[in-house]
Protein backbone atom coordinates (compact mmCIF):
# COMPACT_ATOMS: atom_id res chain seq x y z
CA MET A 1 9.50 -3.33 -22.83
CA TYR A 2 11.83 -1.40 -22.52
CA GLN A 3 14.44 -0.51 -25.98
CA LEU A 4 18.11 -0.67 -24.89
CA THR A 5 19.43 0.57 -28.24
CA LYS A 6 18.35 0.38 -31.52
CA ALA A 7 21.09 -0.19 -34.69
CA TYR A 8 20.62 -0.06 -38.21
CA SER A 9 22.70 -2.47 -40.64
CA GLN A 10 23.45 -2.43 -44.50
CA TYR A 11 20.80 -5.14 -43.93
CA GLN A 12 18.30 -4.32 -41.76
CA GLU A 13 16.65 -2.59 -37.95
CA ILE A 14 17.79 -4.80 -34.86
CA THR A 15 16.79 -4.06 -31.02
CA VAL A 16 18.30 -4.77 -28.05
CA CYS A 17 14.65 -4.81 -25.69
CA GLU A 18 14.71 -5.85 -21.72
CA ALA A 19 10.89 -7.71 -21.13
CA ASN A 20 9.67 -9.02 -18.16
CA GLN A 21 7.61 -11.07 -19.84
CA LEU A 22 8.62 -13.06 -23.54
CA TYR A 23 5.40 -16.04 -25.05
CA GLY A 24 3.73 -16.48 -21.57
CA ARG A 25 6.67 -16.74 -19.66
CA THR A 26 8.34 -14.54 -16.63
CA GLY A 27 12.04 -12.87 -15.66
CA LYS A 28 13.92 -10.62 -17.03
CA PHE A 29 14.60 -11.33 -20.28
CA ARG A 30 16.37 -9.66 -22.51
CA ILE A 31 15.75 -9.84 -26.22
CA LEU A 32 17.49 -9.20 -29.95
CA GLN A 33 14.60 -8.61 -32.52
CA PHE A 34 14.81 -7.69 -36.38
CA SER A 35 12.18 -4.62 -37.62
CA GLU A 36 9.34 -6.57 -37.90
CA HIS A 37 9.63 -7.88 -33.76
CA ALA A 38 11.31 -11.61 -35.06
CA VAL A 39 12.58 -12.77 -31.71
CA GLN A 40 15.83 -13.75 -32.62
CA GLY A 41 17.24 -14.30 -29.48
CA ALA A 42 16.75 -14.27 -25.77
CA VAL A 43 18.58 -14.15 -22.40
CA ASP A 44 17.45 -14.29 -19.60
CA MET A 45 19.36 -11.89 -16.92
CA LYS A 46 18.89 -13.75 -14.11
CA ASP A 47 19.66 -16.99 -15.22
CA ARG A 48 21.60 -16.73 -18.38
CA LYS A 49 22.46 -21.02 -18.66
CA ARG A 50 18.37 -21.35 -19.09
CA ILE A 51 17.66 -21.27 -23.00
CA VAL A 52 14.53 -19.17 -23.05
CA LEU A 53 13.39 -20.08 -26.55
CA GLU A 54 12.08 -23.71 -27.95
CA TYR A 55 14.00 -23.97 -31.28
CA PRO A 56 16.79 -23.94 -29.68
CA ARG A 57 15.92 -26.79 -26.81
CA ALA A 58 14.70 -28.46 -29.57
CA ILE A 59 17.57 -28.29 -31.81
CA ILE A 60 20.10 -28.87 -28.73
CA HIS A 61 17.92 -32.26 -27.82
CA LEU A 62 18.38 -33.66 -31.72
CA MET A 63 22.27 -33.22 -31.04
CA GLU A 64 22.66 -35.00 -28.51
CA VAL A 65 19.86 -37.64 -28.80
CA ASN A 66 21.89 -38.77 -32.62
CA ASN A 67 25.69 -38.13 -31.87
CA PRO A 68 26.35 -37.31 -28.27
CA PHE A 69 30.08 -37.05 -28.85
CA PHE A 70 29.84 -34.61 -31.49
CA GLU A 71 32.45 -32.04 -31.57
CA HIS A 72 32.42 -30.09 -34.54
CA VAL A 73 29.86 -27.91 -35.65
CA PHE A 74 29.28 -24.77 -38.41
CA MET A 75 26.47 -22.77 -38.44
CA ILE A 76 24.41 -19.92 -40.19
CA GLY A 77 23.08 -16.65 -38.78
CA HIS A 78 25.02 -16.26 -35.01
CA GLY A 79 21.98 -14.69 -33.22
CA ILE A 80 22.67 -14.22 -29.67
CA GLY A 81 25.06 -17.43 -29.82
CA THR A 82 23.00 -19.83 -27.97
CA ILE A 83 23.45 -23.31 -29.00
CA ALA A 84 27.28 -22.45 -29.82
CA SER A 85 27.45 -20.75 -25.93
CA HIS A 86 25.89 -24.06 -24.65
CA TYR A 87 28.98 -25.39 -25.78
CA PRO A 88 31.92 -23.68 -24.49
CA GLU A 89 34.36 -27.11 -25.13
CA LYS A 90 33.21 -28.03 -28.87
CA GLN A 91 34.14 -26.67 -32.22
CA PHE A 92 31.97 -23.23 -33.28
CA ARG A 93 32.22 -22.35 -36.96
CA ILE A 94 29.23 -19.72 -37.52
CA ALA A 95 28.73 -17.65 -40.78
CA GLU A 96 26.87 -14.09 -39.98
CA ILE A 97 26.15 -12.13 -43.15
CA ASP A 98 25.07 -8.95 -40.48
CA GLU A 99 28.40 -8.05 -38.82
CA LYS A 100 26.27 -5.73 -36.77
CA VAL A 101 24.89 -8.84 -35.14
CA VAL A 102 27.58 -9.68 -34.28
CA GLU A 103 28.73 -6.07 -33.07
CA LEU A 104 25.06 -6.35 -30.59
CA SER A 105 25.64 -9.71 -29.37
CA ARG A 106 29.16 -9.13 -27.95
CA LEU A 107 28.36 -5.39 -26.33
CA TYR A 108 24.38 -6.47 -25.01
CA PHE A 109 24.70 -10.02 -24.86
CA GLN A 110 28.64 -11.35 -23.70
CA TYR A 111 28.61 -13.33 -26.66
CA LEU A 112 32.60 -13.73 -26.15
CA LYS A 113 33.93 -16.22 -28.61
CA ASP A 114 36.02 -15.25 -31.72
CA ASN A 115 34.57 -18.35 -34.13
CA VAL A 116 32.32 -16.05 -35.52
CA VAL A 117 32.53 -15.06 -39.70
CA ILE A 118 31.02 -12.13 -41.54
CA GLY A 119 29.84 -13.58 -45.02
CA ASP A 120 27.04 -15.11 -46.98
CA GLY A 121 27.47 -18.38 -45.32
CA SER A 122 26.86 -20.61 -48.21
CA GLU A 123 30.27 -18.56 -49.18
CA VAL A 124 32.18 -19.26 -46.32
CA LEU A 125 30.77 -23.41 -45.78
CA ARG A 126 31.78 -23.79 -49.64
CA ASN A 127 35.18 -22.96 -48.05
CA GLU A 128 35.25 -25.65 -45.66
CA ASP A 129 36.94 -29.18 -46.14
CA PRO A 130 35.17 -32.40 -46.68
CA ASN A 131 33.83 -34.88 -44.60
CA LYS A 132 33.92 -32.19 -41.59
CA PHE A 133 31.14 -31.52 -39.61
CA ASP A 134 28.80 -33.87 -37.15
CA TYR A 135 25.97 -30.82 -37.75
CA ILE A 136 25.63 -28.26 -40.16
CA ILE A 137 22.67 -25.14 -38.19
CA LEU A 138 20.55 -23.38 -40.27
CA ASP A 139 19.20 -20.82 -38.86
CA ALA A 140 19.55 -17.20 -40.92
CA PHE A 141 16.29 -15.34 -41.13
CA THR A 142 14.92 -12.53 -43.75
CA LYS A 143 12.00 -10.34 -43.61
CA ALA A 144 10.53 -13.07 -46.23
CA GLY A 145 12.38 -15.96 -44.23
CA THR A 146 15.10 -17.92 -44.95
CA PRO A 147 17.55 -16.93 -47.82
CA ASN A 148 16.91 -18.87 -51.32
CA HIS A 149 19.32 -19.85 -52.04
CA LEU A 150 19.57 -21.45 -48.74
CA THR A 151 17.21 -23.69 -49.93
CA THR A 152 17.62 -24.85 -52.71
CA LEU A 153 19.15 -28.78 -53.76
CA GLN A 154 22.81 -27.39 -54.87
CA PHE A 155 22.76 -26.17 -51.39
CA PHE A 156 21.21 -29.35 -49.63
CA GLN A 157 23.85 -31.33 -51.89
CA MET A 158 27.32 -29.28 -50.92
CA THR A 159 26.29 -29.57 -47.05
CA LYS A 160 25.92 -33.08 -47.22
CA GLU A 161 29.72 -33.35 -48.62
CA LYS A 162 30.71 -30.87 -45.55
CA LEU A 163 28.96 -33.12 -42.82
CA ASN A 164 30.67 -36.19 -41.77
CA ALA A 165 29.47 -40.08 -42.28
CA ARG A 166 27.38 -39.49 -38.93
CA GLY A 167 26.61 -35.89 -39.72
CA SER A 168 22.86 -34.71 -40.01
CA LEU A 169 21.19 -30.71 -41.43
CA ILE A 170 19.40 -29.08 -39.25
CA LEU A 171 16.67 -26.46 -39.98
CA ASN A 172 15.42 -23.45 -38.47
CA LEU A 173 11.99 -22.32 -40.40
CA ALA A 174 9.30 -20.27 -40.21
CA GLY A 175 5.90 -21.88 -41.99
CA ARG A 176 2.62 -23.37 -42.51
CA THR A 177 1.46 -27.06 -41.76
CA ASN A 178 -0.44 -26.45 -44.35
CA ASN A 179 -0.84 -25.27 -48.05
CA ASP A 180 2.20 -24.32 -47.23
CA THR A 181 4.38 -23.67 -50.46
CA LEU A 182 7.31 -22.89 -50.06
CA THR A 183 7.85 -24.95 -46.44
CA ASN A 184 6.44 -28.22 -48.95
CA ALA A 185 8.61 -27.50 -51.20
CA ILE A 186 12.03 -26.82 -48.55
CA TYR A 187 11.12 -30.06 -47.52
CA THR A 188 10.82 -31.94 -50.45
CA THR A 189 13.78 -30.58 -52.04
CA LEU A 190 15.87 -31.87 -48.44
CA LYS A 191 14.12 -35.81 -48.79
CA GLU A 192 15.99 -35.66 -52.57
CA ILE A 193 19.29 -35.00 -50.64
CA PHE A 194 19.34 -36.69 -47.53
CA ALA A 195 18.60 -40.49 -46.79
CA TYR A 196 16.18 -40.05 -43.73
CA THR A 197 14.27 -36.64 -43.04
CA ARG A 198 11.98 -35.51 -39.73
CA ILE A 199 10.24 -32.72 -39.52
CA PHE A 200 8.45 -30.94 -36.64
CA SER A 201 6.94 -27.52 -35.78
CA LEU A 202 5.29 -26.15 -32.27
CA PRO A 203 1.24 -26.73 -32.13
CA GLY A 204 -0.71 -23.10 -33.39
CA GLY A 205 -3.74 -21.97 -33.04
CA ASP A 206 -4.94 -22.98 -36.79
CA SER A 207 -3.44 -24.56 -39.51
CA SER A 208 -2.57 -20.88 -41.17
CA ASP A 209 -0.34 -20.07 -39.11
CA ILE A 210 2.81 -18.91 -38.74
CA ARG A 211 4.83 -20.95 -36.72
CA ASN A 212 8.65 -22.50 -35.85
CA MET A 213 9.53 -25.68 -37.61
CA ILE A 214 13.10 -27.36 -37.12
CA VAL A 215 13.79 -29.98 -40.29
CA ILE A 216 16.71 -32.49 -40.28
CA GLY A 217 18.61 -34.39 -42.32
CA SER A 218 20.86 -37.49 -42.61
CA ASN A 219 22.09 -40.50 -44.11
CA ARG A 220 21.52 -42.38 -40.60
CA ILE A 221 18.49 -42.98 -38.49
CA ILE A 222 17.06 -39.74 -37.07
CA GLU A 223 16.75 -40.65 -33.47
CA PHE A 224 14.10 -38.31 -31.16
CA ASP A 225 12.42 -38.21 -27.46
CA PRO A 226 8.83 -36.31 -27.43
CA ARG A 227 9.58 -35.14 -24.04
CA SER A 228 12.71 -33.49 -25.21
CA MET A 229 12.41 -31.67 -27.54
CA ALA A 230 10.34 -27.56 -25.90
CA GLY A 231 7.01 -28.74 -27.48
CA PHE A 232 7.92 -29.27 -31.26
CA MET A 233 5.77 -32.30 -32.28
CA GLU A 234 6.29 -34.43 -35.64
CA ILE A 235 4.47 -33.72 -38.69
CA GLU A 236 3.82 -34.62 -41.95
CA LEU A 237 3.85 -32.58 -45.03
CA GLU A 238 1.91 -32.42 -48.11
CA GLN A 239 5.04 -33.24 -51.36
CA GLY A 240 6.28 -30.09 -52.88
CA HIS A 241 7.90 -28.85 -55.49
CA ILE A 242 12.66 -29.79 -56.45
CA ILE A 243 14.16 -26.30 -55.27
CA TYR A 244 16.97 -26.03 -57.58
CA ALA A 245 18.94 -22.69 -57.52
CA CYS A 246 18.48 -21.50 -61.47
CA MET A 247 14.40 -21.57 -59.86
CA GLN A 248 15.06 -19.69 -56.80
CA GLN A 249 11.07 -19.68 -55.04
CA SER A 250 9.48 -17.11 -52.36
CA GLU A 251 7.21 -16.47 -51.08
């Protein structure tokens, strides 16, 4: 792996690297990652239209199968802008707390859109009109995982108010499929707000392994084709506690 640059923001250390292999795949990959070596975005420099990581491919499938004619999307967490770049004709509004992430996405990953607002995602979303969005996508991570204030009952209620009648909230999480207090709590809290929810996970060698999960909540029945979920499989989680803004839970 060859490092192109390393940058420091007030939030984290960020590196941009190039590699010939990524998660068992071959190509010429350019990768954005944080200090804990968590990959936040990747492109294949030989095929920029190829979506390299599984979780954006699965999210894109959920978006297209549940509302093929969606127009307005709000995202919390920018990375390299993979999903927004995939839909140049759609209206995306993106909140990213770390200005350095946006700067690097423009310098090294050719992100050209002028649709990123620097700020806390919950505060930016709070100022949006109600019933506006077809999708809200939460893809924000710190060293401790998804920021606590973006997993509370009050936050999920606000997302519901900002979604239109066909709208859905989609979360990209990292957790365990067994005995994970925080993941169970996030999913249980989401189920308090939305009439329909589903959760998917990438397979792992052991139920104690940390893995990518995708959660979707909606007031309409949620559809998906298992063959189009990029390896994500639907799972069930144990009942957890409800996360309130005054009782934020962390691992």
